[in-house]
Amino acid sequence: KELANLTNQLSSKLKKVADQTPDARYKEQLTGLARFMRDRATQVKMIAAVKVACGGDAGQVSSAADGLKTTISESVSTLKASELKRRRTRMAGRAAQIQKV
């Protein structure tokens, strides 16, 4: 349950970053990852609840958690790429201003 709550918080922060991103491609990618992350967290929570109620091995839970981990890693990579692009754009703008002087 706590994992799902933390993931939902991360998902909502990812949506806020997506709303502030001017690049449509990154905005769409971040929004999609936020939704997918939220869905994965719900999946982990549901599978864990069923396993607790019915017993059995934790293979499905760990598999779902691995999927969530992959989604979070992809989100971090996308955020890093977006930040690098923003920095490059700002530096190019500064360089153009310096050249004018």
PDB file of N, CA and C in Angstrom:
ATOM      1  N   LYS A   1       0.830  -1.194   0.000  1.00  0.00           N
ATOM      2  CA  LYS A   1       0.000   0.000   0.000  1.00  0.00           C
ATOM      3  C   LYS A   1       0.870   1.250   0.000  1.00  0.00           C
ATOM      4  N   GLU A   2       1.933   1.223   0.823  1.00  0.00           N
ATOM      5  CA  GLU A   2       2.833   2.370   0.895  1.00  0.00           C
ATOM      6  C   GLU A   2       3.552   2.593  -0.437  1.00  0.00           C
ATOM      7  N   LEU A   3       3.937   1.500  -1.085  1.00  0.00           N
ATOM      8  CA  LEU A   3       4.589   1.602  -2.395  1.00  0.00           C
ATOM      9  C   LEU A   3       3.662   2.270  -3.402  1.00  0.00           C
ATOM     10  N   ALA A   4       2.400   1.909  -3.375  1.00  0.00           N
ATOM     11  CA  ALA A   4       1.421   2.515  -4.284  1.00  0.00           C
ATOM     12  C   ALA A   4       1.253   4.006  -3.987  1.00  0.00           C
ATOM     13  N   ASN A   5       1.228   4.364  -2.709  1.00  0.00           N
ATOM     14  CA  ASN A   5       1.094   5.781  -2.347  1.00  0.00           C
ATOM     15  C   ASN A   5       2.296   6.591  -2.819  1.00  0.00           C
ATOM     16  N   LEU A   6       3.491   6.069  -2.597  1.00  0.00           N
ATOM     17  CA  LEU A   6       4.697   6.768  -3.038  1.00  0.00           C
ATOM     18  C   LEU A   6       4.755   6.890  -4.559  1.00  0.00           C
ATOM     19  N   THR A   7       4.353   5.824  -5.235  1.00  0.00           N
ATOM     20  CA  THR A   7       4.346   5.848  -6.692  1.00  0.00           C
ATOM     21  C   THR A   7       3.331   6.854  -7.213  1.00  0.00           C
ATOM     22  N   ASN A   8       2.173   6.941  -6.581  1.00  0.00           N
ATOM     23  CA  ASN A   8       1.174   7.931  -7.004  1.00  0.00           C
ATOM     24  C   ASN A   8       1.678   9.349  -6.788  1.00  0.00           C
ATOM     25  N   GLN A   9       2.423   9.583  -5.714  1.00  0.00           N
ATOM     26  CA  GLN A   9       3.020  10.907  -5.494  1.00  0.00           C
ATOM     27  C   GLN A   9       4.029  11.223  -6.590  1.00  0.00           C
ATOM     28  N   LEU A  10       4.860  10.245  -6.922  1.00  0.00           N
ATOM     29  CA  LEU A  10       5.843  10.429  -7.989  1.00  0.00           C
ATOM     30  C   LEU A  10       5.151  10.666  -9.321  1.00  0.00           C
ATOM     31  N   SER A  11       4.084   9.932  -9.566  1.00  0.00           N
ATOM     32  CA  SER A  11       3.318  10.092 -10.799  1.00  0.00           C
ATOM     33  C   SER A  11       2.736  11.496 -10.905  1.00  0.00           C
ATOM     34  N   SER A  12       2.221  12.022  -9.812  1.00  0.00           N
ATOM     35  CA  SER A  12       1.649  13.364  -9.850  1.00  0.00           C
ATOM     36  C   SER A  12       2.731  14.422 -10.069  1.00  0.00           C
ATOM     37  N   LYS A  13       3.918  14.219  -9.504  1.00  0.00           N
ATOM     38  CA  LYS A  13       5.022  15.146  -9.755  1.00  0.00           C
ATOM     39  C   LYS A  13       5.475  15.077 -11.207  1.00  0.00           C
ATOM     40  N   LEU A  14       5.453  13.888 -11.759  1.00  0.00           N
ATOM     41  CA  LEU A  14       5.819  13.707 -13.163  1.00  0.00           C
ATOM     42  C   LEU A  14       4.828  14.437 -14.067  1.00  0.00           C
ATOM     43  N   LYS A  15       3.554  14.398 -13.713  1.00  0.00           N
ATOM     44  CA  LYS A  15       2.543  15.129 -14.486  1.00  0.00           C
ATOM     45  C   LYS A  15       2.774  16.633 -14.411  1.00  0.00           C
ATOM     46  N   LYS A  16       3.184  17.137 -13.229  1.00  0.00           N
ATOM     47  CA  LYS A  16       3.470  18.569 -13.089  1.00  0.00           C
ATOM     48  C   LYS A  16       4.644  18.975 -13.968  1.00  0.00           C
ATOM     49  N   VAL A  17       5.678  18.137 -14.006  1.00  0.00           N
ATOM     50  CA  VAL A  17       6.827  18.414 -14.868  1.00  0.00           C
ATOM     51  C   VAL A  17       6.384  18.394 -16.327  1.00  0.00           C
ATOM     52  N   ALA A  18       5.544  17.446 -16.683  1.00  0.00           N
ATOM     53  CA  ALA A  18       5.048  17.352 -18.059  1.00  0.00           C
ATOM     54  C   ALA A  18       4.258  18.602 -18.438  1.00  0.00           C
ATOM     55  N   ASP A  19       3.470  19.127 -17.514  1.00  0.00           N
ATOM     56  CA  ASP A  19       2.686  20.329 -17.796  1.00  0.00           C
ATOM     57  C   ASP A  19       3.575  21.550 -18.033  1.00  0.00           C
ATOM     58  N   GLN A  20       4.758  21.557 -17.434  1.00  0.00           N
ATOM     59  CA  GLN A  20       5.669  22.695 -17.577  1.00  0.00           C
ATOM     60  C   GLN A  20       6.632  22.543 -18.750  1.00  0.00           C
ATOM     61  N   THR A  21       6.654  21.380 -19.371  1.00  0.00           N
ATOM     62  CA  THR A  21       7.581  21.119 -20.465  1.00  0.00           C
ATOM     63  C   THR A  21       7.028  21.680 -21.775  1.00  0.00           C
ATOM     64  N   PRO A  22       7.800  22.535 -22.445  1.00  0.00           N
ATOM     65  CA  PRO A  22       7.304  23.101 -23.704  1.00  0.00           C
ATOM     66  C   PRO A  22       7.349  22.118 -24.877  1.00  0.00           C
ATOM     67  N   ASP A  23       8.217  21.133 -24.808  1.00  0.00           N
ATOM     68  CA  ASP A  23       8.363  20.160 -25.895  1.00  0.00           C
ATOM     69  C   ASP A  23       7.210  19.161 -25.863  1.00  0.00           C
ATOM     70  N   ALA A  24       6.436  19.140 -26.931  1.00  0.00           N
ATOM     71  CA  ALA A  24       5.241  18.285 -26.988  1.00  0.00           C
ATOM     72  C   ALA A  24       5.593  16.803 -26.891  1.00  0.00           C
ATOM     73  N   ARG A  25       6.708  16.401 -27.494  1.00  0.00           N
ATOM     74  CA  ARG A  25       7.092  14.989 -27.470  1.00  0.00           C
ATOM     75  C   ARG A  25       7.403  14.528 -26.048  1.00  0.00           C
ATOM     76  N   TYR A  26       8.177  15.334 -25.309  1.00  0.00           N
ATOM     77  CA  TYR A  26       8.495  14.971 -23.930  1.00  0.00           C
ATOM     78  C   TYR A  26       7.257  15.050 -23.050  1.00  0.00           C
ATOM     79  N   LYS A  27       6.413  16.022 -23.309  1.00  0.00           N
ATOM     80  CA  LYS A  27       5.182  16.160 -22.527  1.00  0.00           C
ATOM     81  C   LYS A  27       4.334  14.900 -22.656  1.00  0.00           C
ATOM     82  N   GLU A  28       4.176  14.436 -23.886  1.00  0.00           N
ATOM     83  CA  GLU A  28       3.379  13.221 -24.127  1.00  0.00           C
ATOM     84  C   GLU A  28       4.029  12.003 -23.484  1.00  0.00           C
ATOM     85  N   GLN A  29       5.358  11.913 -23.606  1.00  0.00           N
ATOM     86  CA  GLN A  29       6.077  10.772 -23.047  1.00  0.00           C
ATOM     87  C   GLN A  29       5.976  10.765 -21.514  1.00  0.00           C
ATOM     88  N   LEU A  30       6.158  11.922 -20.890  1.00  0.00           N
ATOM     89  CA  LEU A  30       6.086  11.999 -19.435  1.00  0.00           C
ATOM     90  C   LEU A  30       4.678  11.724 -18.926  1.00  0.00           C
ATOM     91  N   THR A  31       3.682  12.245 -19.623  1.00  0.00           N
ATOM     92  CA  THR A  31       2.293  11.997 -19.226  1.00  0.00           C
ATOM     93  C   THR A  31       1.961  10.507 -19.327  1.00  0.00           C
ATOM     94  N   GLY A  32       2.395   9.878 -20.405  1.00  0.00           N
ATOM     95  CA  GLY A  32       2.167   8.445 -20.574  1.00  0.00           C
ATOM     96  C   GLY A  32       2.865   7.618 -19.500  1.00  0.00           C
ATOM     97  N   LEU A  33       4.101   7.997 -19.187  1.00  0.00           N
ATOM     98  CA  LEU A  33       4.828   7.277 -18.140  1.00  0.00           C
ATOM     99  C   LEU A  33       4.164   7.465 -16.776  1.00  0.00           C
ATOM    100  N   ALA A  34       3.649   8.656 -16.509  1.00  0.00           N
ATOM    101  CA  ALA A  34       2.970   8.909 -15.229  1.00  0.00           C
ATOM    102  C   ALA A  34       1.731   8.018 -15.100  1.00  0.00           C
ATOM    103  N   ARG A  35       0.965   7.930 -16.180  1.00  0.00           N
ATOM    104  CA  ARG A  35      -0.227   7.064 -16.149  1.00  0.00           C
ATOM    105  C   ARG A  35       0.162   5.598 -15.989  1.00  0.00           C
ATOM    106  N   PHE A  36       1.173   5.183 -16.745  1.00  0.00           N
ATOM    107  CA  PHE A  36       1.609   3.791 -16.705  1.00  0.00           C
ATOM    108  C   PHE A  36       2.149   3.444 -15.325  1.00  0.00           C
ATOM    109  N   MET A  37       2.892   4.386 -14.724  1.00  0.00           N
ATOM    110  CA  MET A  37       3.443   4.178 -13.390  1.00  0.00           C
ATOM    111  C   MET A  37       2.324   3.997 -12.376  1.00  0.00           C
ATOM    112  N   ARG A  38       1.303   4.838 -12.465  1.00  0.00           N
ATOM    113  CA  ARG A  38       0.159   4.740 -11.543  1.00  0.00           C
ATOM    114  C   ARG A  38      -0.545   3.398 -11.710  1.00  0.00           C
ATOM    115  N   ASP A  39      -0.705   2.967 -12.962  1.00  0.00           N
ATOM    116  CA  ASP A  39      -1.357   1.680 -13.228  1.00  0.00           C
ATOM    117  C   ASP A  39      -0.535   0.510 -12.684  1.00  0.00           C
ATOM    118  N   ARG A  40       0.781   0.586 -12.853  1.00  0.00           N
ATOM    119  CA  ARG A  40       1.656  -0.467 -12.340  1.00  0.00           C
ATOM    120  C   ARG A  40       1.577  -0.551 -10.817  1.00  0.00           C
ATOM    121  N   ALA A  41       1.537   0.600 -10.161  1.00  0.00           N
ATOM    122  CA  ALA A  41       1.442   0.615  -8.691  1.00  0.00           C
ATOM    123  C   ALA A  41       0.141  -0.024  -8.233  1.00  0.00           C
ATOM    124  N   THR A  42      -0.938   0.269  -8.930  1.00  0.00           N
ATOM    125  CA  THR A  42      -2.227  -0.334  -8.597  1.00  0.00           C
ATOM    126  C   THR A  42      -2.170  -1.844  -8.803  1.00  0.00           C
ATOM    127  N   GLN A  43      -1.508  -2.260  -9.877  1.00  0.00           N
ATOM    128  CA  GLN A  43      -1.366  -3.690 -10.158  1.00  0.00           C
ATOM    129  C   GLN A  43      -0.600  -4.394  -9.031  1.00  0.00           C
ATOM    130  N   VAL A  44       0.504  -3.806  -8.602  1.00  0.00           N
ATOM    131  CA  VAL A  44       1.287  -4.398  -7.512  1.00  0.00           C
ATOM    132  C   VAL A  44       0.436  -4.497  -6.248  1.00  0.00           C
ATOM    133  N   LYS A  45      -0.294  -3.432  -5.944  1.00  0.00           N
ATOM    134  CA  LYS A  45      -1.133  -3.394  -4.746  1.00  0.00           C
ATOM    135  C   LYS A  45      -2.210  -4.480  -4.791  1.00  0.00           C
ATOM    136  N   MET A  46      -2.861  -4.635  -5.940  1.00  0.00           N
ATOM    137  CA  MET A  46      -3.928  -5.637  -6.070  1.00  0.00           C
ATOM    138  C   MET A  46      -3.381  -7.053  -5.974  1.00  0.00           C
ATOM    139  N   ILE A  47      -2.278  -7.317  -6.662  1.00  0.00           N
ATOM    140  CA  ILE A  47      -1.700  -8.663  -6.637  1.00  0.00           C
ATOM    141  C   ILE A  47      -1.236  -9.010  -5.225  1.00  0.00           C
ATOM    142  N   ALA A  48      -0.626  -8.035  -4.550  1.00  0.00           N
ATOM    143  CA  ALA A  48      -0.166  -8.273  -3.178  1.00  0.00           C
ATOM    144  C   ALA A  48      -1.344  -8.570  -2.255  1.00  0.00           C
ATOM    145  N   ALA A  49      -2.439  -7.843  -2.432  1.00  0.00           N
ATOM    146  CA  ALA A  49      -3.617  -8.068  -1.581  1.00  0.00           C
ATOM    147  C   ALA A  49      -4.192  -9.467  -1.809  1.00  0.00           C
ATOM    148  N   VAL A  50      -4.237  -9.898  -3.061  1.00  0.00           N
ATOM    149  CA  VAL A  50      -4.760 -11.232  -3.373  1.00  0.00           C
ATOM    150  C   VAL A  50      -3.847 -12.304  -2.793  1.00  0.00           C
ATOM    151  N   LYS A  51      -2.535 -12.098  -2.915  1.00  0.00           N
ATOM    152  CA  LYS A  51      -1.590 -13.086  -2.388  1.00  0.00           C
ATOM    153  C   LYS A  51      -1.679 -13.187  -0.871  1.00  0.00           C
ATOM    154  N   VAL A  52      -1.891 -12.064  -0.203  1.00  0.00           N
ATOM    155  CA  VAL A  52      -2.030 -12.089   1.251  1.00  0.00           C
ATOM    156  C   VAL A  52      -3.302 -12.834   1.639  1.00  0.00           C
ATOM    157  N   ALA A  53      -4.390 -12.580   0.909  1.00  0.00           N
ATOM    158  CA  ALA A  53      -5.674 -13.190   1.238  1.00  0.00           C
ATOM    159  C   ALA A  53      -5.697 -14.689   0.916  1.00  0.00           C
ATOM    160  N   CYS A  54      -5.089 -15.067  -0.200  1.00  0.00           N
ATOM    161  CA  CYS A  54      -5.184 -16.459  -0.660  1.00  0.00           C
ATOM    162  C   CYS A  54      -3.928 -17.277  -0.412  1.00  0.00           C
ATOM    163  N   GLY A  55      -2.844 -16.615  -0.107  1.00  0.00           N
ATOM    164  CA  GLY A  55      -1.590 -17.340   0.072  1.00  0.00           C
ATOM    165  C   GLY A  55      -0.936 -17.622  -1.266  1.00  0.00           C
ATOM    166  N   GLY A  56       0.099 -18.377  -1.252  1.00  0.00           N
ATOM    167  CA  GLY A  56       0.800 -18.722  -2.485  1.00  0.00           C
ATOM    168  C   GLY A  56       2.138 -18.014  -2.568  1.00  0.00           C
ATOM    169  N   ASP A  57       2.810 -18.241  -3.710  1.00  0.00           N
ATOM    170  CA  ASP A  57       4.143 -17.662  -3.863  1.00  0.00           C
ATOM    171  C   ASP A  57       4.063 -16.177  -4.216  1.00  0.00           C
ATOM    172  N   ALA A  58       5.163 -15.512  -4.068  1.00  0.00           N
ATOM    173  CA  ALA A  58       5.213 -14.067  -4.303  1.00  0.00           C
ATOM    174  C   ALA A  58       5.784 -13.753  -5.680  1.00  0.00           C
ATOM    175  N   GLY A  59       5.802 -14.721  -6.571  1.00  0.00           N
ATOM    176  CA  GLY A  59       6.371 -14.524  -7.908  1.00  0.00           C
ATOM    177  C   GLY A  59       5.692 -13.425  -8.692  1.00  0.00           C
ATOM    178  N   GLN A  60       4.367 -13.408  -8.668  1.00  0.00           N
ATOM    179  CA  GLN A  60       3.631 -12.376  -9.393  1.00  0.00           C
ATOM    180  C   GLN A  60       3.877 -11.000  -8.798  1.00  0.00           C
ATOM    181  N   VAL A  61       3.951 -10.937  -7.494  1.00  0.00           N
ATOM    182  CA  VAL A  61       4.178  -9.651  -6.834  1.00  0.00           C
ATOM    183  C   VAL A  61       5.545  -9.113  -7.209  1.00  0.00           C
ATOM    184  N   SER A  62       6.563  -9.954  -7.156  1.00  0.00           N
ATOM    185  CA  SER A  62       7.904  -9.485  -7.495  1.00  0.00           C
ATOM    186  C   SER A  62       8.006  -9.135  -8.968  1.00  0.00           C
ATOM    187  N   SER A  63       7.311  -9.873  -9.815  1.00  0.00           N
ATOM    188  CA  SER A  63       7.297  -9.560 -11.245  1.00  0.00           C
ATOM    189  C   SER A  63       6.635  -8.203 -11.497  1.00  0.00           C
ATOM    190  N   ALA A  64       5.519  -7.953 -10.841  1.00  0.00           N
ATOM    191  CA  ALA A  64       4.837  -6.666 -10.985  1.00  0.00           C
ATOM    192  C   ALA A  64       5.693  -5.529 -10.421  1.00  0.00           C
ATOM    193  N   ALA A  65       6.377  -5.790  -9.316  1.00  0.00           N
ATOM    194  CA  ALA A  65       7.262  -4.777  -8.727  1.00  0.00           C
ATOM    195  C   ALA A  65       8.444  -4.487  -9.651  1.00  0.00           C
ATOM    196  N   ASP A  66       8.963  -5.520 -10.317  1.00  0.00           N
ATOM    197  CA  ASP A  66      10.043  -5.306 -11.293  1.00  0.00           C
ATOM    198  C   ASP A  66       9.558  -4.451 -12.461  1.00  0.00           C
ATOM    199  N   GLY A  67       8.326  -4.680 -12.885  1.00  0.00           N
ATOM    200  CA  GLY A  67       7.752  -3.855 -13.947  1.00  0.00           C
ATOM    201  C   GLY A  67       7.631  -2.406 -13.518  1.00  0.00           C
ATOM    202  N   LEU A  68       7.224  -2.195 -12.285  1.00  0.00           N
ATOM    203  CA  LEU A  68       7.131  -0.840 -11.745  1.00  0.00           C
ATOM    204  C   LEU A  68       8.511  -0.192 -11.681  1.00  0.00           C
ATOM    205  N   LYS A  69       9.498  -0.959 -11.272  1.00  0.00           N
ATOM    206  CA  LYS A  69      10.871  -0.448 -11.202  1.00  0.00           C
ATOM    207  C   LYS A  69      11.351  -0.015 -12.589  1.00  0.00           C
ATOM    208  N   THR A  70      11.052  -0.802 -13.596  1.00  0.00           N
ATOM    209  CA  THR A  70      11.438  -0.465 -14.968  1.00  0.00           C
ATOM    210  C   THR A  70      10.762   0.821 -15.419  1.00  0.00           C
ATOM    211  N   THR A  71       9.488   0.973 -15.101  1.00  0.00           N
ATOM    212  CA  THR A  71       8.756   2.183 -15.470  1.00  0.00           C
ATOM    213  C   THR A  71       9.353   3.411 -14.792  1.00  0.00           C
ATOM    214  N   ILE A  72       9.713   3.277 -13.529  1.00  0.00           N
ATOM    215  CA  ILE A  72      10.321   4.400 -12.811  1.00  0.00           C
ATOM    216  C   ILE A  72      11.681   4.737 -13.417  1.00  0.00           C
ATOM    217  N   SER A  73      12.462   3.736 -13.772  1.00  0.00           N
ATOM    218  CA  SER A  73      13.766   3.972 -14.400  1.00  0.00           C
ATOM    219  C   SER A  73      13.614   4.694 -15.733  1.00  0.00           C
ATOM    220  N   GLU A  74      12.624   4.287 -16.530  1.00  0.00           N
ATOM    221  CA  GLU A  74      12.364   4.957 -17.801  1.00  0.00           C
ATOM    222  C   GLU A  74      11.970   6.411 -17.572  1.00  0.00           C
ATOM    223  N   SER A  75      11.199   6.652 -16.536  1.00  0.00           N
ATOM    224  CA  SER A  75      10.777   8.015 -16.221  1.00  0.00           C
ATOM    225  C   SER A  75      11.974   8.885 -15.863  1.00  0.00           C
ATOM    226  N   VAL A  76      12.872   8.349 -15.057  1.00  0.00           N
ATOM    227  CA  VAL A  76      14.069   9.093 -14.668  1.00  0.00           C
ATOM    228  C   VAL A  76      14.931   9.394 -15.899  1.00  0.00           C
ATOM    229  N   SER A  77      15.089   8.423 -16.781  1.00  0.00           N
ATOM    230  CA  SER A  77      15.867   8.641 -18.004  1.00  0.00           C
ATOM    231  C   SER A  77      15.242   9.719 -18.876  1.00  0.00           C
ATOM    232  N   THR A  78      13.934   9.709 -18.992  1.00  0.00           N
ATOM    233  CA  THR A  78      13.240  10.720 -19.786  1.00  0.00           C
ATOM    234  C   THR A  78      13.405  12.099 -19.171  1.00  0.00           C
ATOM    235  N   LEU A  79      13.306  12.182 -17.845  1.00  0.00           N
ATOM    236  CA  LEU A  79      13.507  13.462 -17.165  1.00  0.00           C
ATOM    237  C   LEU A  79      14.925  13.980 -17.378  1.00  0.00           C
ATOM    238  N   LYS A  80      15.905  13.097 -17.316  1.00  0.00           N
ATOM    239  CA  LYS A  80      17.288  13.511 -17.542  1.00  0.00           C
ATOM    240  C   LYS A  80      17.479  14.033 -18.963  1.00  0.00           C
ATOM    241  N   ALA A  81      16.915  13.341 -19.936  1.00  0.00           N
ATOM    242  CA  ALA A  81      17.030  13.776 -21.325  1.00  0.00           C
ATOM    243  C   ALA A  81      16.355  15.126 -21.535  1.00  0.00           C
ATOM    244  N   SER A  82      15.208  15.310 -20.912  1.00  0.00           N
ATOM    245  CA  SER A  82      14.489  16.575 -21.019  1.00  0.00           C
ATOM    246  C   SER A  82      15.302  17.714 -20.412  1.00  0.00           C
ATOM    247  N   GLU A  83      15.907  17.472 -19.269  1.00  0.00           N
ATOM    248  CA  GLU A  83      16.727  18.504 -18.611  1.00  0.00           C
ATOM    249  C   GLU A  83      17.954  18.838 -19.446  1.00  0.00           C
ATOM    250  N   LEU A  84      18.598  17.837 -20.031  1.00  0.00           N
ATOM    251  CA  LEU A  84      19.750  18.092 -20.891  1.00  0.00           C
ATOM    252  C   LEU A  84      19.356  18.928 -22.109  1.00  0.00           C
ATOM    253  N   LYS A  85      18.212  18.639 -22.672  1.00  0.00           N
ATOM    254  CA  LYS A  85      17.749  19.416 -23.829  1.00  0.00           C
ATOM    255  C   LYS A  85      17.480  20.862 -23.419  1.00  0.00           C
ATOM    256  N   ARG A  86      16.867  21.065 -22.258  1.00  0.00           N
ATOM    257  CA  ARG A  86      16.612  22.428 -21.770  1.00  0.00           C
ATOM    258  C   ARG A  86      17.918  23.185 -21.560  1.00  0.00           C
ATOM    259  N   ARG A  87      18.892  22.512 -20.972  1.00  0.00           N
ATOM    260  CA  ARG A  87      20.193  23.153 -20.741  1.00  0.00           C
ATOM    261  C   ARG A  87      20.860  23.536 -22.052  1.00  0.00           C
ATOM    262  N   ARG A  88      20.803  22.626 -23.020  1.00  0.00           N
ATOM    263  CA  ARG A  88      21.413  22.895 -24.322  1.00  0.00           C
ATOM    264  C   ARG A  88      20.762  24.094 -24.984  1.00  0.00           C
ATOM    265  N   THR A  89      19.435  24.172 -24.895  1.00  0.00           N
ATOM    266  CA  THR A  89      18.704  25.290 -25.489  1.00  0.00           C
ATOM    267  C   THR A  89      19.081  26.606 -24.807  1.00  0.00           C
ATOM    268  N   ARG A  90      19.165  26.591 -23.487  1.00  0.00           N
ATOM    269  CA  ARG A  90      19.561  27.810 -22.752  1.00  0.00           C
ATOM    270  C   ARG A  90      20.971  28.230 -23.091  1.00  0.00           C
ATOM    271  N   MET A  91      21.886  27.266 -23.189  1.00  0.00           N
ATOM    272  CA  MET A  91      23.280  27.593 -23.508  1.00  0.00           C
ATOM    273  C   MET A  91      23.395  28.146 -24.924  1.00  0.00           C
ATOM    274  N   ALA A  92      22.621  27.601 -25.845  1.00  0.00           N
ATOM    275  CA  ALA A  92      22.641  28.116 -27.213  1.00  0.00           C
ATOM    276  C   ALA A  92      22.126  29.545 -27.241  1.00  0.00           C
ATOM    277  N   GLY A  93      21.094  29.835 -26.452  1.00  0.00           N
ATOM    278  CA  GLY A  93      20.570  31.198 -26.365  1.00  0.00           C
ATOM    279  C   GLY A  93      21.584  32.156 -25.781  1.00  0.00           C
ATOM    280  N   ARG A  94      22.281  31.723 -24.770  1.00  0.00           N
ATOM    281  CA  ARG A  94      23.318  32.566 -24.158  1.00  0.00           C
ATOM    282  C   ARG A  94      24.466  32.805 -25.127  1.00  0.00           C
ATOM    283  N   ALA A  95      24.863  31.762 -25.852  1.00  0.00           N
ATOM    284  CA  ALA A  95      25.933  31.903 -26.814  1.00  0.00           C
ATOM    285  C   ALA A  95      25.544  32.900 -27.913  1.00  0.00           C
ATOM    286  N   ALA A  96      24.288  32.847 -28.333  1.00  0.00           N
ATOM    287  CA  ALA A  96      23.830  33.792 -29.354  1.00  0.00           C
ATOM    288  C   ALA A  96      23.859  35.214 -28.825  1.00  0.00           C
ATOM    289  N   GLN A  97      23.504  35.406 -27.564  1.00  0.00           N
ATOM    290  CA  GLN A  97      23.558  36.750 -26.963  1.00  0.00           C
ATOM    291  C   GLN A  97      24.998  37.238 -26.873  1.00  0.00           C
ATOM    292  N   ILE A  98      25.909  36.369 -26.520  1.00  0.00           N
ATOM    293  CA  ILE A  98      27.324  36.760 -26.409  1.00  0.00           C
ATOM    294  C   ILE A  98      27.874  37.148 -27.779  1.00  0.00           C
ATOM    295  N   GLN A  99      27.474  36.418 -28.809  1.00  0.00           N
ATOM    296  CA  GLN A  99      27.952  36.712 -30.155  1.00  0.00           C
ATOM    297  C   GLN A  99      27.464  38.072 -30.646  1.00  0.00           C
ATOM    298  N   LYS A 100      26.298  38.490 -30.177  1.00  0.00           N
ATOM    299  CA  LYS A 100      25.769  39.788 -30.575  1.00  0.00           C
ATOM    300  C   LYS A 100      26.602  40.922 -30.004  1.00  0.00           C
ATOM    301  N   VAL A 101      27.226  40.659 -28.857  1.00  0.00           N
ATOM    302  CA  VAL A 101      28.028  41.684 -28.180  1.00  0.00           C
ATOM    303  C   VAL A 101      29.343  41.757 -28.855  1.00  0.00           C
TER     304      VAL A 101
END
